[in-house]
Amino acid sequence: MPEPAVLRTVLGDHPHTAPLKNGDVHSARVRLDFLPVSPIHRAFAPMVRAEAYDLCELAVVTALQAVAHRRPVVLLPAVVAARFQRGCLISHASRPIRPKDLAGSRIGVRSYTQTTGMWVRAHLAEDYGLAARDVRWCTREGAHVAEYTDPAFVTRHPHTTGLLDMLREGHVDAAVLGNDLPQGDEFVSVFPDAAARDELWWRWHGYMPINHMVAVAASTCRDVPSAVRESYALLRRARDSVQHLDGAPRPTMFGFERLRKPLETVIDACLAQQLLPRRLSFEEVFGPAREVLGKDAA
């Protein structure tokens, strides 16, 4: 039997990636060589700018910007991280602010292109009619895709402190946090009923808001397409090996047609927030992956 293809791989630590990392789900045809990158977003820029990895978890906004700017990555129909987002917008408990009072305020976010920030802005628009341009967005980093330029209503904040300290010191009125969302009572949610609104959103749409998907380097797709197909099968097998409570929200989604409406929703939000230079068609987003996986990949 020939030696398996070895793919340099970066995936976050999720219940459904653990079987891949510990070897419970494996293949004789491909070996995923996991590289430690933490936090996971540090892998995004090297991936979209220089094909630093063969297979890499990628934020959906970064992935769509990479497609729009023709970066050498192929987006697979695989969502590996999703979460409810309204609770990620917080203010300091001593200076709470309501969503209807956010117009003209300063909101801190790691990067304007951060996917959690995109979802928070989308929810503010649909719940309260607040457009992205109605707020002053204060960022600490630029985009992973080098070709993207922030809109005029986005400002790079000169402070070197983190978002929580910026919020404590009053440099911003609210902030968007993700995996680093603080616990305790020092900070409060800006959305007064975040959990209830998120549950209604999920019941209406049928999925959790997408955070991260999986992308493959274009050169890897050209050189070892069979290894890409096998890797996609491994991702699905690993997801299926994790017990899931029927009827509960699931942070994963696979398949071209399953992702059609969710991706169209994300594209609409990105256009409204000036995150994309033009509307991407579904075929533009997933056409390259169809060529590798086959059009009926589930």
Protein backbone atom coordinates (compact mmCIF):
# COMPACT_ATOMS: atom_id res chain seq x y z
CA MET A 1 0.00 0.00 0.00
CA PRO A 2 1.38 3.46 -0.90
CA GLU A 3 2.33 5.89 1.83
CA PRO A 4 -0.53 8.22 2.84
CA ALA A 5 -0.46 11.82 1.70
CA VAL A 6 0.48 14.13 4.56
CA LEU A 7 -1.43 17.40 4.86
CA ARG A 8 -0.25 20.25 7.08
CA THR A 9 -3.39 20.92 9.07
CA VAL A 10 -4.66 23.57 11.49
CA LEU A 11 -7.99 22.94 13.19
CA GLY A 12 -9.27 24.33 16.45
CA ASP A 13 -10.01 22.21 19.50
CA HIS A 14 -13.66 21.21 19.16
CA PRO A 15 -15.49 18.05 20.28
CA HIS A 16 -15.84 17.07 16.62
CA THR A 17 -12.15 17.61 15.78
CA ALA A 18 -10.88 15.67 18.81
CA PRO A 19 -11.40 12.27 17.09
CA LEU A 20 -9.13 13.46 14.27
CA LYS A 21 -6.46 14.76 16.60
CA ASN A 22 -6.39 11.73 18.89
CA GLY A 23 -6.45 9.27 16.01
CA ASP A 24 -9.84 7.69 16.70
CA VAL A 25 -10.91 8.74 13.19
CA HIS A 26 -8.14 8.16 10.66
CA SER A 27 -7.42 6.96 7.15
CA ALA A 28 -4.79 4.87 5.45
CA ARG A 29 -4.87 7.26 2.46
CA VAL A 30 -4.20 10.59 4.16
CA ARG A 31 -2.56 11.74 7.39
CA LEU A 32 -3.46 15.08 8.91
CA ASP A 33 -0.30 16.56 10.41
CA PHE A 34 -1.72 18.92 13.03
CA LEU A 35 0.24 22.10 13.66
CA PRO A 36 -0.33 24.02 16.93
CA VAL A 37 -1.63 27.54 16.31
CA SER A 38 -3.32 29.41 19.15
CA PRO A 39 -5.46 31.37 19.09
CA ILE A 40 -6.76 29.85 15.89
CA HIS A 41 -7.20 33.20 14.10
CA ARG A 42 -3.41 33.52 13.90
CA ALA A 43 -3.50 30.86 11.18
CA PHE A 44 -5.88 32.79 8.94
CA ALA A 45 -3.56 35.42 7.44
CA PRO A 46 -0.75 32.94 6.62
CA MET A 47 -3.30 30.65 5.01
CA VAL A 48 -4.97 33.20 2.72
CA ARG A 49 -1.80 35.15 1.95
CA ALA A 50 0.75 32.37 1.44
CA GLU A 51 -0.93 28.92 1.50
CA ALA A 52 0.96 28.24 4.72
CA TYR A 53 -1.07 25.08 5.36
CA ASP A 54 -2.73 22.41 3.26
CA LEU A 55 -5.96 22.32 5.24
CA CYS A 56 -6.99 25.05 7.66
CA GLU A 57 -9.93 26.25 9.71
CA LEU A 58 -10.92 29.68 8.41
CA ALA A 59 -13.37 32.35 9.57
CA VAL A 60 -16.23 32.65 7.10
CA VAL A 61 -15.74 36.39 6.50
CA THR A 62 -12.04 35.85 5.82
CA ALA A 63 -12.91 32.96 3.52
CA LEU A 64 -15.38 35.02 1.49
CA GLN A 65 -12.95 37.92 1.24
CA ALA A 66 -10.30 35.48 0.05
CA VAL A 67 -12.64 34.27 -2.68
CA ALA A 68 -13.54 37.83 -3.68
CA HIS A 69 -9.89 38.85 -3.91
CA ARG A 70 -8.89 35.61 -5.66
CA ARG A 71 -6.55 34.31 -3.02
CA PRO A 72 -5.26 30.73 -3.56
CA VAL A 73 -7.63 28.90 -1.22
CA VAL A 74 -10.54 26.56 -1.90
CA LEU A 75 -13.45 26.72 0.54
CA LEU A 76 -14.95 23.35 1.45
CA PRO A 77 -18.65 23.00 2.37
CA ALA A 78 -17.71 22.28 5.96
CA VAL A 79 -18.63 24.40 8.99
CA VAL A 80 -16.62 23.40 12.06
CA ALA A 81 -17.51 26.24 14.43
CA ALA A 82 -20.74 28.16 14.98
CA ARG A 83 -22.24 29.94 17.95
CA PHE A 84 -24.90 32.37 19.08
CA GLN A 85 -23.53 35.89 18.81
CA ARG A 86 -25.73 38.48 20.54
CA GLY A 87 -24.16 37.86 23.94
CA CYS A 88 -20.74 38.70 22.50
CA LEU A 89 -21.50 42.44 22.54
CA ILE A 90 -20.81 43.74 26.05
CA SER A 91 -20.49 46.98 27.98
CA HIS A 92 -19.06 47.76 31.40
CA ALA A 93 -21.58 47.22 34.19
CA SER A 94 -20.89 50.72 35.54
CA ARG A 95 -21.72 52.26 32.12
CA PRO A 96 -24.36 50.02 30.52
CA ILE A 97 -25.62 51.00 27.10
CA ARG A 98 -28.76 49.88 25.30
CA PRO A 99 -28.82 48.85 21.64
CA LYS A 100 -31.09 51.74 20.69
CA ASP A 101 -28.48 54.16 22.09
CA LEU A 102 -25.54 52.77 20.12
CA ALA A 103 -25.79 55.20 17.17
CA GLY A 104 -22.67 57.38 17.24
CA SER A 105 -21.06 55.28 19.97
CA ARG A 106 -17.63 53.64 19.92
CA ILE A 107 -17.57 49.85 19.74
CA GLY A 108 -14.28 48.01 20.09
CA VAL A 109 -13.60 44.87 18.06
CA ARG A 110 -10.36 43.03 17.36
CA SER A 111 -10.77 43.57 13.63
CA TYR A 112 -13.62 45.01 11.60
CA THR A 113 -13.54 41.83 9.52
CA GLN A 114 -13.87 39.53 12.55
CA THR A 115 -16.77 37.17 11.93
CA THR A 116 -18.29 37.65 15.39
CA GLY A 117 -18.35 41.39 14.74
CA MET A 118 -20.08 40.80 11.41
CA TRP A 119 -22.81 38.79 13.12
CA VAL A 120 -23.23 41.34 15.93
CA ARG A 121 -23.69 44.10 13.33
CA ALA A 122 -26.15 41.93 11.39
CA HIS A 123 -28.20 41.34 14.55
CA LEU A 124 -28.15 45.05 15.44
CA ALA A 125 -29.45 45.81 11.96
CA GLU A 126 -32.24 43.23 12.00
CA ASP A 127 -33.28 43.81 15.64
CA TYR A 128 -32.90 47.59 15.91
CA GLY A 129 -32.34 48.97 12.40
CA LEU A 130 -28.80 50.09 13.28
CA ALA A 131 -26.51 50.13 10.24
CA ALA A 132 -22.78 49.46 10.50
CA ARG A 133 -21.99 53.01 9.37
CA ASP A 134 -24.05 54.43 12.28
CA VAL A 135 -21.36 53.34 14.74
CA ARG A 136 -17.68 54.22 15.18
CA TRP A 137 -15.84 50.88 15.10
CA CYS A 138 -12.51 50.89 16.95
CA THR A 139 -10.16 48.07 15.95
CA ARG A 140 -6.80 46.74 17.09
CA GLU A 141 -5.91 44.72 13.96
CA GLY A 142 -6.43 44.82 10.22
CA ALA A 143 -7.88 42.20 7.91
CA HIS A 144 -6.35 38.78 7.27
CA VAL A 145 -6.83 39.35 3.54
CA ALA A 146 -4.27 42.06 2.71
CA GLU A 147 -6.25 43.44 -0.25
CA TYR A 148 -9.15 44.55 1.96
CA THR A 149 -9.38 48.13 3.25
CA ASP A 150 -11.58 49.09 6.20
CA PRO A 151 -14.46 51.54 5.56
CA ALA A 152 -14.12 55.18 6.59
CA PHE A 153 -16.22 54.65 9.74
CA VAL A 154 -13.60 52.23 11.13
CA THR A 155 -10.62 53.55 13.12
CA ARG A 156 -7.51 51.70 14.25
CA HIS A 157 -7.27 52.43 17.97
CA PRO A 158 -3.86 53.71 19.14
CA HIS A 159 -4.02 52.03 22.54
CA THR A 160 -1.98 48.89 23.00
CA THR A 161 -4.21 47.55 25.76
CA GLY A 162 -6.76 44.82 25.13
CA LEU A 163 -10.44 45.34 24.44
CA LEU A 164 -11.48 44.72 28.03
CA ASP A 165 -9.08 47.36 29.33
CA MET A 166 -10.27 49.77 26.63
CA LEU A 167 -13.79 49.15 27.92
CA ARG A 168 -12.79 49.53 31.57
CA GLU A 169 -11.00 52.81 30.87
CA GLY A 170 -13.85 54.26 28.81
CA HIS A 171 -12.02 54.37 25.48
CA VAL A 172 -14.97 52.49 23.95
CA ASP A 173 -18.62 52.29 24.95
CA ALA A 174 -19.03 48.61 24.12
CA ALA A 175 -16.90 45.78 22.77
CA VAL A 176 -17.25 42.58 20.75
CA LEU A 177 -15.57 39.56 22.34
CA GLY A 178 -15.56 35.98 21.10
CA ASN A 179 -13.83 33.00 22.69
CA ASP A 180 -12.33 35.47 25.17
CA LEU A 181 -15.74 36.63 26.44
CA PRO A 182 -15.24 37.37 30.17
CA GLN A 183 -17.14 35.72 32.97
CA GLY A 184 -18.45 37.40 36.10
CA ASP A 185 -20.51 40.53 36.64
CA GLU A 186 -18.02 43.27 35.68
CA PHE A 187 -19.44 43.35 32.14
CA VAL A 188 -23.01 43.03 30.90
CA SER A 189 -24.61 42.11 27.61
CA VAL A 190 -25.73 45.03 25.46
CA PHE A 191 -28.60 42.93 24.09
CA PRO A 192 -31.00 42.73 27.07
CA ASP A 193 -32.45 39.41 25.95
CA ALA A 194 -29.56 37.91 23.99
CA ALA A 195 -30.25 34.23 24.71
CA ALA A 196 -33.96 34.44 23.94
CA ARG A 197 -33.38 36.36 20.70
CA ASP A 198 -30.69 33.89 19.63
CA GLU A 199 -32.99 30.94 20.21
CA LEU A 200 -35.74 32.57 18.15
CA TRP A 201 -33.21 33.25 15.38
CA TRP A 202 -32.12 29.62 15.39
CA ARG A 203 -35.67 28.30 15.30
CA TRP A 204 -36.48 30.60 12.39
CA HIS A 205 -33.33 29.90 10.34
CA GLY A 206 -32.57 26.33 11.36
CA TYR A 207 -28.84 26.75 12.03
CA MET A 208 -26.42 28.49 14.35
CA PRO A 209 -24.58 31.54 12.95
CA ILE A 210 -21.49 30.31 11.10
CA ASN A 211 -18.10 31.24 12.52
CA HIS A 212 -15.46 28.98 10.99
CA MET A 213 -15.30 26.73 7.94
CA VAL A 214 -12.51 24.66 6.40
CA ALA A 215 -10.35 25.75 3.47
CA VAL A 216 -7.69 23.94 1.47
CA ALA A 217 -4.72 25.47 -0.31
CA ALA A 218 -5.33 25.71 -4.05
CA SER A 219 -1.97 24.04 -4.73
CA THR A 220 -2.98 21.09 -2.53
CA CYS A 221 -6.20 20.68 -4.52
CA ARG A 222 -4.18 20.60 -7.73
CA ASP A 223 -1.47 18.27 -6.46
CA VAL A 224 -3.38 15.74 -4.33
CA PRO A 225 -7.14 16.07 -4.98
CA SER A 226 -7.77 12.54 -3.71
CA ALA A 227 -6.25 13.52 -0.34
CA VAL A 228 -8.60 16.52 -0.19
CA ARG A 229 -11.60 14.27 -0.83
CA GLU A 230 -10.44 11.86 1.85
CA SER A 231 -9.89 14.73 4.31
CA TYR A 232 -13.43 15.97 3.74
CA ALA A 233 -14.71 12.45 4.41
CA LEU A 234 -12.67 12.35 7.62
CA LEU A 235 -14.16 15.65 8.79
CA ARG A 236 -17.65 14.25 8.26
CA ARG A 237 -16.82 10.98 9.99
CA ALA A 238 -15.40 12.84 12.98
CA ARG A 239 -18.53 14.99 13.20
CA ASP A 240 -20.77 11.93 13.01
CA SER A 241 -18.79 10.16 15.75
CA VAL A 242 -19.73 12.78 18.33
CA GLN A 243 -23.00 12.23 20.14
CA HIS A 244 -25.53 14.99 19.51
CA LEU A 245 -28.84 15.65 21.21
CA ASP A 246 -31.62 15.60 18.62
CA GLY A 247 -33.34 18.95 18.24
CA ALA A 248 -30.50 20.93 19.80
CA PRO A 249 -28.44 23.52 17.89
CA ARG A 250 -25.42 22.00 16.19
CA PRO A 251 -22.16 23.93 15.58
CA THR A 252 -21.37 22.02 12.38
CA MET A 253 -22.84 21.89 8.87
CA PHE A 254 -21.72 19.98 5.79
CA GLY A 255 -22.76 19.87 2.16
CA PHE A 256 -23.20 22.32 -0.69
CA GLU A 257 -26.98 22.57 -0.62
CA ARG A 258 -27.15 22.60 3.18
CA LEU A 259 -24.93 25.68 3.12
CA ARG A 260 -26.60 27.55 0.27
CA LYS A 261 -29.01 29.68 2.34
CA PRO A 262 -26.62 30.21 5.28
CA LEU A 263 -23.88 31.43 2.94
CA GLU A 264 -26.30 33.72 1.10
CA THR A 265 -27.28 35.24 4.46
CA VAL A 266 -23.63 35.85 5.34
CA ILE A 267 -22.92 37.36 1.91
CA ASP A 268 -25.89 39.73 2.29
CA ALA A 269 -24.61 40.87 5.69
CA CYS A 270 -21.07 41.32 4.38
CA LEU A 271 -22.31 43.48 1.51
CA ALA A 272 -24.37 45.65 3.86
CA GLN A 273 -21.29 46.15 6.06
CA GLN A 274 -18.87 46.88 3.20
CA LEU A 275 -16.91 43.70 3.87
CA LEU A 276 -17.04 42.51 0.25
CA PRO A 277 -16.30 44.40 -2.98
CA ARG A 278 -19.19 42.74 -4.82
CA ARG A 279 -21.87 40.09 -4.43
CA LEU A 280 -20.41 36.61 -4.67
CA SER A 281 -22.42 33.92 -6.38
CA PHE A 282 -22.80 30.55 -4.73
CA GLU A 283 -20.91 28.99 -7.64
CA GLU A 284 -18.03 31.44 -7.23
CA VAL A 285 -17.75 30.46 -3.58
CA PHE A 286 -18.04 26.70 -4.00
CA GLY A 287 -17.27 26.02 -7.67
CA PRO A 288 -13.61 25.06 -7.02
CA ALA A 289 -14.63 22.69 -4.22
CA ARG A 290 -17.25 21.07 -6.46
CA GLU A 291 -14.52 20.28 -8.98
CA VAL A 292 -12.51 18.49 -6.30
CA LEU A 293 -15.24 16.84 -4.22
CA GLY A 294 -17.89 16.28 -6.87
CA LYS A 295 -21.06 18.27 -7.23
CA ASP A 296 -23.13 16.02 -4.98
CA ALA A 297 -20.82 16.08 -1.94
CA ALA A 298 -23.07 15.89 1.11
